[in-house]
Every structure is written in structure tokens, then in C-alpha cells.
């Protein structure tokens, strides 16, 4: 058992493991009543409703880039949240799709490795705010 992950007032009990990037194998994960789940972190575009209100976890040494798609691809509602955690030496970097703006402190878009966590919130038309343990 990994234990309980708390982000704000949300809790997730993960009893079955997470994506292991070092082995390259996705494992089944638990989902709590609030619909949050830990999913495989990968180099990908976040562009569907199924990918929002998720927590993406990088448990390995590989670095990943997650691109936020523009509203022309999928119109995420304002207030949409997506979480990111780095449990090992690999990082997660957020990238802006065409026409998307990601605001963050000092324009940093990388989630710190080895324990860093962050989340992104849609605050307007093609505008997102990234907050958390960030680095360049």
C-alpha cells in the first residue's frame, strides 16, 4: 500500500500501485469516490474530458512533457484542475498548446523531481494557472 495522498481537501487511497516509468509498465490503480485517480504519466497532450480532474504521477527517472490542448481541440470548463506529482528523479514539464497561456510564478513550468507536486487550473479562455513546487 502506498498510502493516502492529500491534495487540498481531496484524498486518494492508492492500494494497487502507480505507473512505473522505470519498468515501462502501467499498473491498475485505485479510484476514490471523488473520481480522482493516479494515471500513467507520459509524453502526451491533455485534450479530453477523461484526462481532467486527474493526478498524473511520474515514479521513474524519465522526464515527461504534458501539453495542454487549446479550446479548439477540447473546451475544458473554467475551474478544471489537473494534478502532477514527481515521486522519483524524473520531472513533469507543462507545455502550452497553440494559443494556450500557462501562467506561473517566474514562468516556471516544470514540477520539481523527487517529491514535487503541482496542479493547474483553467482560469479563462485558453488561460491556465500552474501552482506548486515548480522549477524552470
Protein backbone atom coordinates (compact mmCIF):
# COMPACT_ATOMS: atom_id res chain seq x y z
CA UNK A 1 0.00 0.00 0.00
CA UNK A 2 1.31 3.40 -0.99
CA UNK A 3 -0.96 5.18 1.49
CA UNK A 4 -3.11 8.28 1.27
CA UNK A 5 -2.35 11.21 -1.00
CA UNK A 6 -3.90 14.53 0.04
CA UNK A 7 -4.16 17.49 -2.33
CA UNK A 8 -6.18 20.25 -0.75
CA UNK A 9 -9.26 18.62 0.68
CA UNK A 10 -9.15 15.66 -1.69
CA UNK A 11 -7.78 12.32 -0.62
CA UNK A 12 -6.81 9.31 -2.67
CA UNK A 13 -6.17 5.86 -1.28
CA UNK A 14 -3.89 4.01 -3.67
CA UNK A 15 -3.74 0.37 -2.77
CA UNK A 16 -2.63 -1.11 -6.05
CA UNK A 17 0.37 0.85 -7.31
CA UNK A 18 1.08 3.52 -9.91
CA UNK A 19 2.74 3.77 -13.31
CA UNK A 20 6.33 2.58 -13.07
CA UNK A 21 8.29 4.51 -15.69
CA UNK A 22 11.50 2.63 -14.94
CA UNK A 23 9.87 -0.64 -15.94
CA UNK A 24 7.58 0.96 -18.53
CA UNK A 25 4.57 -0.92 -17.21
CA UNK A 26 1.22 0.64 -16.32
CA UNK A 27 -0.37 -0.93 -13.25
CA UNK A 28 -4.01 -0.88 -12.17
CA UNK A 29 -4.78 1.91 -9.75
CA UNK A 30 -7.48 2.63 -7.24
CA UNK A 31 -10.07 5.35 -7.78
CA UNK A 32 -11.72 7.13 -4.85
CA UNK A 33 -15.33 8.23 -4.64
CA UNK A 34 -14.43 11.73 -5.86
CA UNK A 35 -13.29 10.41 -9.23
CA UNK A 36 -9.61 11.24 -8.76
CA UNK A 37 -7.14 8.64 -9.94
CA UNK A 38 -3.42 8.25 -10.43
CA UNK A 39 -2.71 7.57 -14.09
CA UNK A 40 0.35 6.90 -16.15
CA UNK A 41 2.48 9.96 -16.74
CA UNK A 42 3.67 10.11 -20.32
CA UNK A 43 4.63 12.49 -23.09
CA UNK A 44 1.12 13.39 -24.18
CA UNK A 45 -1.43 16.05 -24.96
CA UNK A 46 -4.18 16.57 -22.40
CA UNK A 47 -7.17 17.00 -24.69
CA UNK A 48 -10.19 15.05 -23.45
CA UNK A 49 -12.64 15.26 -20.59
CA UNK A 50 -11.38 11.89 -19.30
CA UNK A 51 -7.98 13.46 -18.61
CA UNK A 52 -9.17 16.27 -16.33
CA UNK A 53 -9.53 16.11 -12.57
CA UNK A 54 -6.74 13.53 -12.61
CA UNK A 55 -3.40 13.28 -10.85
CA UNK A 56 -0.51 12.30 -13.12
CA UNK A 57 2.41 10.69 -11.26
CA UNK A 58 5.95 10.17 -12.55
CA UNK A 59 7.57 7.40 -10.47
CA UNK A 60 10.68 6.89 -12.58
CA UNK A 61 13.80 8.63 -13.88
CA UNK A 62 12.40 9.64 -17.28
CA UNK A 63 11.24 13.24 -17.81
CA UNK A 64 7.79 13.80 -19.28
CA UNK A 65 6.10 16.69 -21.07
CA UNK A 66 2.35 17.21 -20.74
CA UNK A 67 0.84 19.62 -23.29
CA UNK A 68 -2.41 21.44 -22.52
CA UNK A 69 -4.54 21.47 -25.68
CA UNK A 70 -6.33 24.64 -26.85
CA UNK A 71 -10.08 25.13 -26.62
CA UNK A 72 -10.34 24.50 -30.36
CA UNK A 73 -9.40 20.87 -29.58
CA UNK A 74 -11.44 20.50 -26.38
CA UNK A 75 -13.22 23.21 -24.40
CA UNK A 76 -12.34 22.41 -20.78
CA UNK A 77 -14.67 24.21 -18.36
CA UNK A 78 -13.21 27.09 -16.33
CA UNK A 79 -12.18 25.61 -12.98
CA UNK A 80 -10.88 22.37 -14.48
CA UNK A 81 -7.98 21.04 -12.36
CA UNK A 82 -5.20 18.60 -13.20
CA UNK A 83 -2.58 17.47 -10.65
CA UNK A 84 1.03 16.37 -11.14
CA UNK A 85 3.43 14.57 -8.78
CA UNK A 86 7.07 13.52 -9.20
CA UNK A 87 7.98 10.68 -6.86
CA UNK A 88 11.46 9.98 -8.23
CA UNK A 89 14.17 11.75 -10.22
CA UNK A 90 12.02 12.24 -13.34
CA UNK A 91 10.21 15.53 -13.85
CA UNK A 92 6.97 16.64 -15.48
CA UNK A 93 7.00 19.76 -17.63
CA UNK A 94 3.82 21.53 -18.70
CA UNK A 95 3.70 22.84 -22.27
CA UNK A 96 1.27 25.23 -23.92
CA UNK A 97 -0.71 24.04 -26.93
CA UNK A 98 -1.30 26.50 -29.78
CA UNK A 99 -2.93 29.65 -28.36
CA UNK A 100 -2.78 28.40 -24.75
CA UNK A 101 -1.25 30.52 -21.98
CA UNK A 102 0.05 28.90 -18.78
CA UNK A 103 0.71 31.48 -16.05
CA UNK A 104 3.05 30.53 -13.21
CA UNK A 105 5.45 32.11 -10.73
CA UNK A 106 8.60 33.21 -12.59
CA UNK A 107 7.17 31.48 -15.70
CA UNK A 108 8.39 28.12 -14.36
CA UNK A 109 6.59 25.17 -15.95
CA UNK A 110 8.47 22.16 -14.50
CA UNK A 111 7.35 20.15 -11.48
CA UNK A 112 10.34 19.50 -9.20
CA UNK A 113 11.61 15.95 -9.11
CA UNK A 114 11.86 13.78 -6.01
CA UNK A 115 8.70 14.84 -4.22
CA UNK A 116 7.46 17.88 -6.12
CA UNK A 117 3.79 18.38 -6.70
CA UNK A 118 1.73 20.93 -8.62
CA UNK A 119 -1.67 21.49 -10.12
CA UNK A 120 -3.01 23.51 -13.00
CA UNK A 121 -6.38 25.27 -13.08
CA UNK A 122 -8.20 26.68 -16.09
CA UNK A 123 -8.96 30.32 -15.28
CA UNK A 124 -10.21 31.68 -18.62
CA UNK A 125 -10.41 31.14 -22.36
CA UNK A 126 -7.19 29.21 -23.19
CA UNK A 127 -5.70 30.51 -19.91
CA UNK A 128 -4.42 28.22 -17.18
CA UNK A 129 -2.60 28.88 -13.89
CA UNK A 130 0.08 26.45 -12.67
CA UNK A 131 0.86 26.38 -8.93
CA UNK A 132 3.09 24.25 -6.73
CA UNK A 133 6.69 23.03 -6.43
CA UNK A 134 7.95 24.45 -9.72
CA UNK A 135 11.30 24.88 -11.44
CA UNK A 136 12.42 26.21 -14.82
